[in-house]
C-alpha atoms as a PDB file:
ATOM      1  CA  THR A   1      21.610 125.897  91.310  1.00  0.00           C
ATOM      2  CA  SER A   2      23.179 126.041  87.837  1.00  0.00           C
ATOM      3  CA  ALA A   3      26.546 125.062  89.320  1.00  0.00           C
ATOM      4  CA  GLY A   4      27.831 123.081  92.260  1.00  0.00           C
ATOM      5  CA  PRO A   5      26.838 119.635  93.529  1.00  0.00           C
ATOM      6  CA  ALA A   6      23.598 117.824  92.837  1.00  0.00           C
ATOM      7  CA  TRP A   7      20.519 119.270  94.534  1.00  0.00           C
ATOM      8  CA  LYS A   8      19.376 117.628  97.792  1.00  0.00           C
ATOM      9  CA  PRO A   9      16.270 119.184  99.386  1.00  0.00           C
ATOM     10  CA  LEU A  10      16.730 118.385 103.089  1.00  0.00           C
ATOM     11  CA  PRO A  11      20.316 119.654 103.538  1.00  0.00           C
ATOM     12  CA  VAL A  12      19.453 122.834 101.614  1.00  0.00           C
ATOM     13  CA  LEU A  13      16.383 123.382 103.810  1.00  0.00           C
ATOM     14  CA  VAL A  14      18.482 123.028 106.972  1.00  0.00           C
ATOM     15  CA  THR A  15      21.365 125.168 105.739  1.00  0.00           C
ATOM     16  CA  THR A  16      18.934 127.866 104.556  1.00  0.00           C
ATOM     17  CA  LEU A  17      17.561 128.106 108.089  1.00  0.00           C
ATOM     18  CA  LEU A  18      21.097 128.269 109.485  1.00  0.00           C
ATOM     19  CA  ALA A  19      22.426 130.728 106.887  1.00  0.00           C
ATOM     20  CA  PRO A  20      21.575 133.987 108.746  1.00  0.00           C
ATOM     21  CA  LEU A  21      23.686 132.860 111.736  1.00  0.00           C
ATOM     22  CA  ASP A  22      27.378 133.701 111.901  1.00  0.00           C
ATOM     23  CA  ALA A  23      28.198 130.186 113.085  1.00  0.00           C
ATOM     24  CA  ALA A  24      26.183 128.483 110.327  1.00  0.00           C
ATOM     25  CA  PRO A  25      29.020 126.206 109.058  1.00  0.00           C
ATOM     26  CA  GLU A  26      29.902 125.105 112.585  1.00  0.00           C
ATOM     27  CA  LEU A  27      26.233 124.465 113.373  1.00  0.00           C
ATOM     28  CA  TRP A  28      25.909 122.225 110.315  1.00  0.00           C
ATOM     29  CA  LEU A  29      28.965 120.263 111.463  1.00  0.00           C
ATOM     30  CA  LEU A  30      27.423 119.980 114.927  1.00  0.00           C
ATOM     31  CA  LEU A  31      24.179 118.677 113.427  1.00  0.00           C
ATOM     32  CA  ALA A  32      25.923 116.214 111.100  1.00  0.00           C
ATOM     33  CA  ARG A  33      28.155 114.862 113.860  1.00  0.00           C
ATOM     34  CA  ALA A  34      25.289 114.605 116.340  1.00  0.00           C
ATOM     35  CA  ALA A  35      23.307 112.723 113.703  1.00  0.00           C
ATOM     36  CA  GLY A  36      26.241 110.315 113.303  1.00  0.00           C
ATOM     37  CA  VAL A  37      26.242 109.607 117.028  1.00  0.00           C
ATOM     38  CA  ALA A  38      22.457 109.177 116.919  1.00  0.00           C
ATOM     39  CA  ALA A  39      22.848 106.745 114.023  1.00  0.00           C
ATOM     40  CA  VAL A  40      25.183 104.536 116.075  1.00  0.00           C
ATOM     41  CA  LEU A  41      22.776 104.554 119.015  1.00  0.00           C
ATOM     42  CA  LEU A  42      19.647 103.988 116.908  1.00  0.00           C
ATOM     43  CA  VAL A  43      21.230 101.113 114.974  1.00  0.00           C
ATOM     44  CA  GLY A  44      22.076  99.469 118.294  1.00  0.00           C
ATOM     45  CA  LEU A  45      18.568 100.123 119.597  1.00  0.00           C
ATOM     46  CA  LEU A  46      17.028  98.617 116.467  1.00  0.00           C
ATOM     47  CA  ALA A  47      19.131  95.468 116.821  1.00  0.00           C
ATOM     48  CA  TRP A  48      18.195  95.289 120.517  1.00  0.00           C
ATOM     49  CA  ARG A  49      14.507  95.614 119.610  1.00  0.00           C
ATOM     50  CA  LEU A  50      14.603  92.965 116.878  1.00  0.00           C
ATOM     51  CA  SER A  51      16.510  90.545 119.105  1.00  0.00           C
ATOM     52  CA  ARG A  52      14.042  91.040 121.967  1.00  0.00           C
ATOM     53  CA  GLY A  53      16.458  92.729 124.300  1.00  0.00           C
ATOM     54  CA  SER A  54      19.879  91.254 123.507  1.00  0.00           C
ATOM     55  CA  LEU A  55      22.808  93.418 124.579  1.00  0.00           C
ATOM     56  CA  VAL A  56      25.047  91.363 122.277  1.00  0.00           C
ATOM     57  CA  ALA A  57      22.938  92.369 119.282  1.00  0.00           C
ATOM     58  CA  ALA A  58      23.078  96.052 120.221  1.00  0.00           C
ATOM     59  CA  LEU A  59      26.848  96.030 120.758  1.00  0.00           C
ATOM     60  CA  VAL A  60      27.591  94.115 117.547  1.00  0.00           C
ATOM     61  CA  ALA A  61      25.348  96.415 115.492  1.00  0.00           C
ATOM     62  CA  SER A  62      26.653  99.694 116.913  1.00  0.00           C
ATOM     63  CA  GLY A  63      30.266  98.508 116.921  1.00  0.00           C
ATOM     64  CA  SER A  64      30.046  97.265 113.349  1.00  0.00           C
ATOM     65  CA  LEU A  65      28.656 100.587 112.147  1.00  0.00           C
ATOM     66  CA  VAL A  66      31.493 102.496 113.818  1.00  0.00           C
ATOM     67  CA  LEU A  67      33.998 100.172 112.120  1.00  0.00           C
ATOM     68  CA  VAL A  68      32.465 100.569 108.647  1.00  0.00           C
ATOM     69  CA  SER A  69      35.148 102.109 106.483  1.00  0.00           C
ATOM     70  CA  GLY A  70      34.474 105.802 105.936  1.00  0.00           C
ATOM     71  CA  PHE A  71      31.615 106.177 108.419  1.00  0.00           C
ATOM     72  CA  VAL A  72      33.452 108.048 111.178  1.00  0.00           C
ATOM     73  CA  ARG A  73      35.441 110.133 108.693  1.00  0.00           C
ATOM     74  CA  GLY A  74      32.304 111.067 106.763  1.00  0.00           C
ATOM     75  CA  VAL A  75      30.484 112.077 109.942  1.00  0.00           C
ATOM     76  CA  ALA A  76      33.470 114.149 111.070  1.00  0.00           C
ATOM     77  CA  LEU A  77      33.594 115.935 107.703  1.00  0.00           C
ATOM     78  CA  GLY A  78      29.915 116.824 107.925  1.00  0.00           C
ATOM     79  CA  PHE A  79      28.508 114.511 105.246  1.00  0.00           C
ATOM     80  CA  SER A  80      24.785 113.861 105.518  1.00  0.00           C
ATOM     81  CA  GLU A  81      24.913 110.039 105.396  1.00  0.00           C
ATOM     82  CA  GLY A  82      24.995 109.804 109.200  1.00  0.00           C
ATOM     83  CA  LEU A  83      21.727 111.710 109.285  1.00  0.00           C
ATOM     84  CA  LEU A  84      20.341 109.395 106.593  1.00  0.00           C
ATOM     85  CA  VAL A  85      21.162 106.289 108.641  1.00  0.00           C
ATOM     86  CA  ALA A  86      19.657 107.866 111.771  1.00  0.00           C
ATOM     87  CA  LEU A  87      16.411 108.751 109.960  1.00  0.00           C
ATOM     88  CA  ALA A  88      16.100 105.286 108.407  1.00  0.00           C
ATOM     89  CA  ALA A  89      16.731 103.471 111.691  1.00  0.00           C
ATOM     90  CA  ALA A  90      14.276 105.729 113.519  1.00  0.00           C
ATOM     91  CA  ALA A  91      11.653 105.119 110.819  1.00  0.00           C
ATOM     92  CA  VAL A  92      11.959 101.335 111.199  1.00  0.00           C
ATOM     93  CA  LEU A  93      11.759 101.625 114.990  1.00  0.00           C
ATOM     94  CA  CYS A  94       8.585 103.704 114.723  1.00  0.00           C
ATOM     95  CA  HIS A  95       7.073 101.142 112.356  1.00  0.00           C
ATOM     96  CA  LEU A  96       7.842  98.344 114.821  1.00  0.00           C
ATOM     97  CA  GLU A  97       6.085 100.368 117.524  1.00  0.00           C
ATOM     98  CA  GLU A  98       3.090 100.767 115.164  1.00  0.00           C
ATOM     99  CA  GLN A  99       3.636 104.523 114.876  1.00  0.00           C
ATOM    100  CA  ARG A 100       2.959 104.569 111.145  1.00  0.00           C
ATOM    101  CA  ARG A 101       2.628 108.328 110.782  1.00  0.00           C
ATOM    102  CA  ARG A 102       5.973 109.015 112.407  1.00  0.00           C
ATOM    103  CA  ALA A 103       7.592 106.258 110.361  1.00  0.00           C
ATOM    104  CA  LEU A 104       6.207 107.782 107.164  1.00  0.00           C
ATOM    105  CA  VAL A 105       7.388 111.309 108.042  1.00  0.00           C
ATOM    106  CA  LEU A 106      10.866 110.038 108.902  1.00  0.00           C
ATOM    107  CA  GLY A 107      10.886 108.091 105.647  1.00  0.00           C
ATOM    108  CA  LEU A 108       9.941 111.280 103.800  1.00  0.00           C
ATOM    109  CA  LEU A 109      12.854 113.160 105.382  1.00  0.00           C
ATOM    110  CA  ALA A 110      15.209 110.344 104.386  1.00  0.00           C
ATOM    111  CA  ALA A 111      13.812 110.461 100.843  1.00  0.00           C
ATOM    112  CA  LEU A 112      14.701 114.163 100.714  1.00  0.00           C
ATOM    113  CA  LEU A 113      18.326 113.208 101.376  1.00  0.00           C
ATOM    114  CA  ARG A 114      19.024 110.397  98.896  1.00  0.00           C
ATOM    115  CA  PRO A 115      17.055 109.166  95.870  1.00  0.00           C
ATOM    116  CA  GLU A 116      17.902 105.545  96.764  1.00  0.00           C
ATOM    117  CA  VAL A 117      15.278 105.856  99.503  1.00  0.00           C
ATOM    118  CA  TRP A 118      12.474 106.386  96.976  1.00  0.00           C
ATOM    119  CA  PRO A 119      11.776 102.719  96.086  1.00  0.00           C
ATOM    120  CA  PHE A 120      11.690 101.750  99.768  1.00  0.00           C
ATOM    121  CA  LEU A 121       9.354 104.622 100.646  1.00  0.00           C
ATOM    122  CA  LEU A 122       7.156 103.723  97.669  1.00  0.00           C
ATOM    123  CA  ALA A 123       6.924 100.097  98.807  1.00  0.00           C
ATOM    124  CA  TYR A 124       6.043 101.187 102.350  1.00  0.00           C
ATOM    125  CA  GLY A 125       3.440 103.578 100.979  1.00  0.00           C
ATOM    126  CA  VAL A 126       1.821 100.819  98.939  1.00  0.00           C
ATOM    127  CA  VAL A 127       1.595  98.624 102.045  1.00  0.00           C
ATOM    128  CA  LEU A 128      -0.002 101.414 104.095  1.00  0.00           C
ATOM    129  CA  TRP A 129      -2.392 102.312 101.276  1.00  0.00           C
ATOM    130  CA  ARG A 130      -3.589  98.729 100.920  1.00  0.00           C
ATOM    131  CA  ARG A 131      -4.188  98.644 104.671  1.00  0.00           C
ATOM    132  CA  GLY A 132      -6.158 101.884 104.465  1.00  0.00           C
ATOM    133  CA  GLU A 133      -3.730 103.695 106.796  1.00  0.00           C
ATOM    134  CA  GLU A 134      -2.582 107.329 106.572  1.00  0.00           C
ATOM    135  CA  ARG A 135      -3.939 107.844 103.066  1.00  0.00           C
ATOM    136  CA  PRO A 136      -4.084 111.692 103.210  1.00  0.00           C
ATOM    137  CA  LEU A 137      -0.471 111.790 104.396  1.00  0.00           C
ATOM    138  CA  LEU A 138       0.535 109.334 101.660  1.00  0.00           C
ATOM    139  CA  VAL A 139      -0.928 111.647  99.021  1.00  0.00           C
ATOM    140  CA  ALA A 140       1.002 114.570 100.514  1.00  0.00           C
ATOM    141  CA  VAL A 141       4.255 112.567 100.567  1.00  0.00           C
ATOM    142  CA  ALA A 142       3.742 111.484  96.959  1.00  0.00           C
ATOM    143  CA  ALA A 143       3.478 115.147  95.985  1.00  0.00           C
ATOM    144  CA  VAL A 144       6.265 116.533  98.188  1.00  0.00           C
ATOM    145  CA  VAL A 145       9.060 114.194  97.071  1.00  0.00           C
ATOM    146  CA  PRO A 146       9.049 115.029  93.326  1.00  0.00           C
ATOM    147  CA  LEU A 147       8.237 118.696  93.927  1.00  0.00           C
ATOM    148  CA  ALA A 148      11.061 119.139  96.438  1.00  0.00           C
ATOM    149  CA  TRP A 149      13.606 117.402  94.218  1.00  0.00           C
ATOM    150  CA  PHE A 150      12.729 118.789  90.796  1.00  0.00           C
ATOM    151  CA  GLY A 151      10.849 122.053  91.417  1.00  0.00           C
ATOM    152  CA  PRO A 152      13.661 124.099  92.994  1.00  0.00           C
ATOM    153  CA  GLU A 153      16.178 122.710  90.495  1.00  0.00           C
ATOM    154  CA  LEU A 154      14.011 123.810  87.582  1.00  0.00           C
ATOM    155  CA  TRP A 155      13.558 127.224  89.195  1.00  0.00           C
ATOM    156  CA  GLY A 156      17.224 127.617  90.110  1.00  0.00           C
ATOM    157  CA  SER A 157      18.907 126.327  86.963  1.00  0.00           C
ATOM    158  CA  GLY A 158      16.202 126.225  84.319  1.00  0.00           C
ATOM    159  CA  GLU A 159      16.889 122.514  83.806  1.00  0.00           C
ATOM    160  CA  LEU A 160      14.615 119.896  85.315  1.00  0.00           C
ATOM    161  CA  LEU A 161      17.279 117.158  85.346  1.00  0.00           C
ATOM    162  CA  ARG A 162      20.392 119.261  86.036  1.00  0.00           C
ATOM    163  CA  SER A 163      21.127 117.311  89.247  1.00  0.00           C
ATOM    164  CA  THR A 164      20.776 114.001  87.438  1.00  0.00           C
ATOM    165  CA  GLU A 165      23.326 115.036  84.858  1.00  0.00           C
ATOM    166  CA  ARG A 166      25.650 116.433  87.544  1.00  0.00           C
ATOM    167  CA  ALA A 167      25.485 113.159  89.485  1.00  0.00           C
ATOM    168  CA  ARG A 168      26.647 111.306  86.373  1.00  0.00           C
ATOM    169  CA  VAL A 169      29.889 113.299  86.162  1.00  0.00           C
ATOM    170  CA  ALA A 170      32.331 110.710  87.508  1.00  0.00           C
ATOM    171  CA  THR A 171      35.642 111.622  89.116  1.00  0.00           C
ATOM    172  CA  PRO A 172      38.741 109.374  89.092  1.00  0.00           C
ATOM    173  CA  GLY A 173      38.486 106.348  91.370  1.00  0.00           C
ATOM    174  CA  GLN A 174      34.711 106.039  91.385  1.00  0.00           C
ATOM    175  CA  PRO A 175      33.026 102.705  90.557  1.00  0.00           C
ATOM    176  CA  ALA A 176      31.273 104.244  87.546  1.00  0.00           C
ATOM    177  CA  LEU A 177      34.638 104.277  85.741  1.00  0.00           C
ATOM    178  CA  ALA A 178      35.372 100.580  86.365  1.00  0.00           C
ATOM    179  CA  ALA A 179      35.065  97.966  83.634  1.00  0.00           C
ATOM    180  CA  VAL A 180      31.909  96.597  85.291  1.00  0.00           C
ATOM    181  CA  PRO A 181      30.655  99.275  87.727  1.00  0.00           C
ATOM    182  CA  ALA A 182      28.069  97.017  89.403  1.00  0.00           C
ATOM    183  CA  PHE A 183      30.719  94.439  90.365  1.00  0.00           C
ATOM    184  CA  GLU A 184      32.969  97.222  91.632  1.00  0.00           C
ATOM    185  CA  VAL A 185      30.178  98.491  93.906  1.00  0.00           C
ATOM    186  CA  LEU A 186      29.640  94.993  95.309  1.00  0.00           C
ATOM    187  CA  LYS A 187      33.373  94.583  95.914  1.00  0.00           C
ATOM    188  CA  ARG A 188      33.618  97.905  97.712  1.00  0.00           C
ATOM    189  CA  PHE A 189      30.625  97.069  99.885  1.00  0.00           C
ATOM    190  CA  LEU A 190      32.321  93.862 101.015  1.00  0.00           C
ATOM    191  CA  LEU A 191      35.593  95.697 101.664  1.00  0.00           C
ATOM    192  CA  MET A 192      34.042  98.552 103.638  1.00  0.00           C
ATOM    193  CA  THR A 193      31.849  96.324 105.845  1.00  0.00           C
ATOM    194  CA  PRO A 194      33.514  94.641 108.863  1.00  0.00           C
ATOM    195  CA  LEU A 195      33.929  90.887 108.464  1.00  0.00           C
ATOM    196  CA  LEU A 196      31.745  90.239 111.516  1.00  0.00           C
ATOM    197  CA  ALA A 197      28.893  92.144 109.873  1.00  0.00           C
ATOM    198  CA  SER A 198      29.416  90.603 106.417  1.00  0.00           C
ATOM    199  CA  VAL A 199      29.323  87.051 107.761  1.00  0.00           C
ATOM    200  CA  GLY A 200      26.444  87.955 110.075  1.00  0.00           C
ATOM    201  CA  LEU A 201      24.510  89.293 107.101  1.00  0.00           C
ATOM    202  CA  GLY A 202      24.708  85.875 105.474  1.00  0.00           C
ATOM    203  CA  VAL A 203      23.700  84.181 108.727  1.00  0.00           C
ATOM    204  CA  ALA A 204      20.731  86.567 109.076  1.00  0.00           C
ATOM    205  CA  LEU A 205      19.344  85.480 105.716  1.00  0.00           C
ATOM    206  CA  ALA A 206      18.884  81.985 107.130  1.00  0.00           C
ATOM    207  CA  GLY A 207      17.018  83.254 110.201  1.00  0.00           C
ATOM    208  CA  ARG A 208      13.695  84.988 110.643  1.00  0.00           C
ATOM    209  CA  ALA A 209      14.088  87.949 113.002  1.00  0.00           C
ATOM    210  CA  ALA A 210      16.578  89.923 110.911  1.00  0.00           C
ATOM    211  CA  ARG A 211      15.871  88.558 107.436  1.00  0.00           C
ATOM    212  CA  PRO A 212      13.847  91.617 106.295  1.00  0.00           C
ATOM    213  CA  VAL A 213      16.693  93.922 107.372  1.00  0.00           C
ATOM    214  CA  ALA A 214      19.261  91.722 105.625  1.00  0.00           C
ATOM    215  CA  LEU A 215      17.192  91.721 102.429  1.00  0.00           C
ATOM    216  CA  GLY A 216      16.876  95.493 102.712  1.00  0.00           C
ATOM    217  CA  ALA A 217      20.664  95.808 102.898  1.00  0.00           C
ATOM    218  CA  LEU A 218      21.126  93.655  99.803  1.00  0.00           C
ATOM    219  CA  ALA A 219      18.408  95.553  97.947  1.00  0.00           C
ATOM    220  CA  TRP A 220      20.142  98.858  98.698  1.00  0.00           C
ATOM    221  CA  VAL A 221      23.474  97.503  97.427  1.00  0.00           C
ATOM    222  CA  ALA A 222      21.780  96.204  94.277  1.00  0.00           C
ATOM    223  CA  LEU A 223      20.155  99.599  93.701  1.00  0.00           C
ATOM    224  CA  VAL A 224      23.466 101.491  94.028  1.00  0.00           C
ATOM    225  CA  ALA A 225      25.109  98.901  91.755  1.00  0.00           C
ATOM    226  CA  LEU A 226      22.460  99.325  89.080  1.00  0.00           C
ATOM    227  CA  MET A 227      22.707 103.105  89.314  1.00  0.00           C
ATOM    228  CA  SER A 228      26.497 102.932  88.917  1.00  0.00           C
ATOM    229  CA  GLN A 229      26.016 100.744  85.861  1.00  0.00           C
ATOM    230  CA  ALA A 230      23.793 103.509  84.487  1.00  0.00           C
ATOM    231  CA  GLY A 231      26.563 106.067  84.955  1.00  0.00           C
ATOM    232  CA  PHE A 232      26.070 107.352  88.504  1.00  0.00           C
ATOM    233  CA  SER A 233      29.156 107.433  90.726  1.00  0.00           C
ATOM    234  CA  GLY A 234      28.290 104.620  93.174  1.00  0.00           C
ATOM    235  CA  GLU A 235      30.866 105.764  95.700  1.00  0.00           C
ATOM    236  CA  GLU A 236      31.212 104.121  99.104  1.00  0.00           C
ATOM    237  CA  ARG A 237      29.332 106.683 101.172  1.00  0.00           C
ATOM    238  CA  TYR A 238      26.173 105.911  99.214  1.00  0.00           C
ATOM    239  CA  LEU A 239      26.465 102.354 100.563  1.00  0.00           C
ATOM    240  CA  LEU A 240      26.537 103.389 104.230  1.00  0.00           C
ATOM    241  CA  PRO A 241      22.783 102.753 104.796  1.00  0.00           C
ATOM    242  CA  ALA A 242      23.276  99.204 103.448  1.00  0.00           C
ATOM    243  CA  ALA A 243      26.269  98.719 105.744  1.00  0.00           C
ATOM    244  CA  ALA A 244      24.192  99.967 108.689  1.00  0.00           C
ATOM    245  CA  ALA A 245      21.401  97.518 107.829  1.00  0.00           C
ATOM    246  CA  ALA A 246      23.989  94.746 107.556  1.00  0.00           C
ATOM    247  CA  ALA A 247      25.264  95.702 111.013  1.00  0.00           C
ATOM    248  CA  VAL A 248      21.746  95.414 112.458  1.00  0.00           C
ATOM    249  CA  ALA A 249      21.103  92.069 110.773  1.00  0.00           C
ATOM    250  CA  ALA A 250      24.464  90.758 111.931  1.00  0.00           C
ATOM    251  CA  GLY A 251      23.834  91.868 115.505  1.00  0.00           C
ATOM    252  CA  VAL A 252      20.531  90.009 115.647  1.00  0.00           C
ATOM    253  CA  ALA A 253      21.969  86.926 113.908  1.00  0.00           C
ATOM    254  CA  TRP A 254      24.976  86.634 116.218  1.00  0.00           C
ATOM    255  CA  ALA A 255      22.796  87.206 119.283  1.00  0.00           C
ATOM    256  CA  GLU A 256      20.641  84.268 118.194  1.00  0.00           C
ATOM    257  CA  ARG A 257      23.710  82.076 117.680  1.00  0.00           C
ATOM    258  CA  LEU A 258      25.269  83.040 121.015  1.00  0.00           C
ATOM    259  CA  ARG A 259      22.093  82.893 123.103  1.00  0.00           C
ATOM    260  CA  PRO A 260      22.573  80.371 125.959  1.00  0.00           C
ATOM    261  CA  PRO A 261      20.277  77.344 125.577  1.00  0.00           C
ATOM    262  CA  TRP A 262      18.862  77.868 129.031  1.00  0.00           C
END
């Protein structure tokens, strides 16, 4: 791993399993594209669940995600962000159904895709620990995440933080090269998110059903912005989970506003 892109445990695990097959590249594309379709469906299902069965919420959420700038193209090219959105949405759905163990495992898989997941998984782990739920699994997750991210990198390159340094190598056009990277990230998030979802995100903050999802979207944007200010690229595809959360929040918010009084 001394050269190439930054290390990400989950994609490497999957591609290692696929590597002996002649059609390995095509199978990865199939997986990435299927995950993108699953992300659209799961985002709609999450909005439907939070809105207590509103078809409007599901359609607005799924439609907004499809219209997010770069989502379809990224899925078609085989980027892993579609899989990340699918895992995150599935984790939240499992939590709402009180399937804590499944939610935690899905959160772990998402955390093996992007480091931005770590603070959210940590917060969820603290909540479960204080409730006395799934403590053995929490200990295992706390060990797996750092080992999976830093252990193979140290073994493969001899440098514990090689991926961190690689991720800070900015290419032309990335927010990290702007005068104020954090503001550039915020601007790009607003530009890439459909207007219906952006306005709905603001509406959701005033409601109750989707407020946690809306706050999660803003927290993700703030995290990417802070990381870009610290020298990380902050490119648009890292904001796709926030855009997906905004789509869910907007779907629920608009469904509440359009619900007939009777």
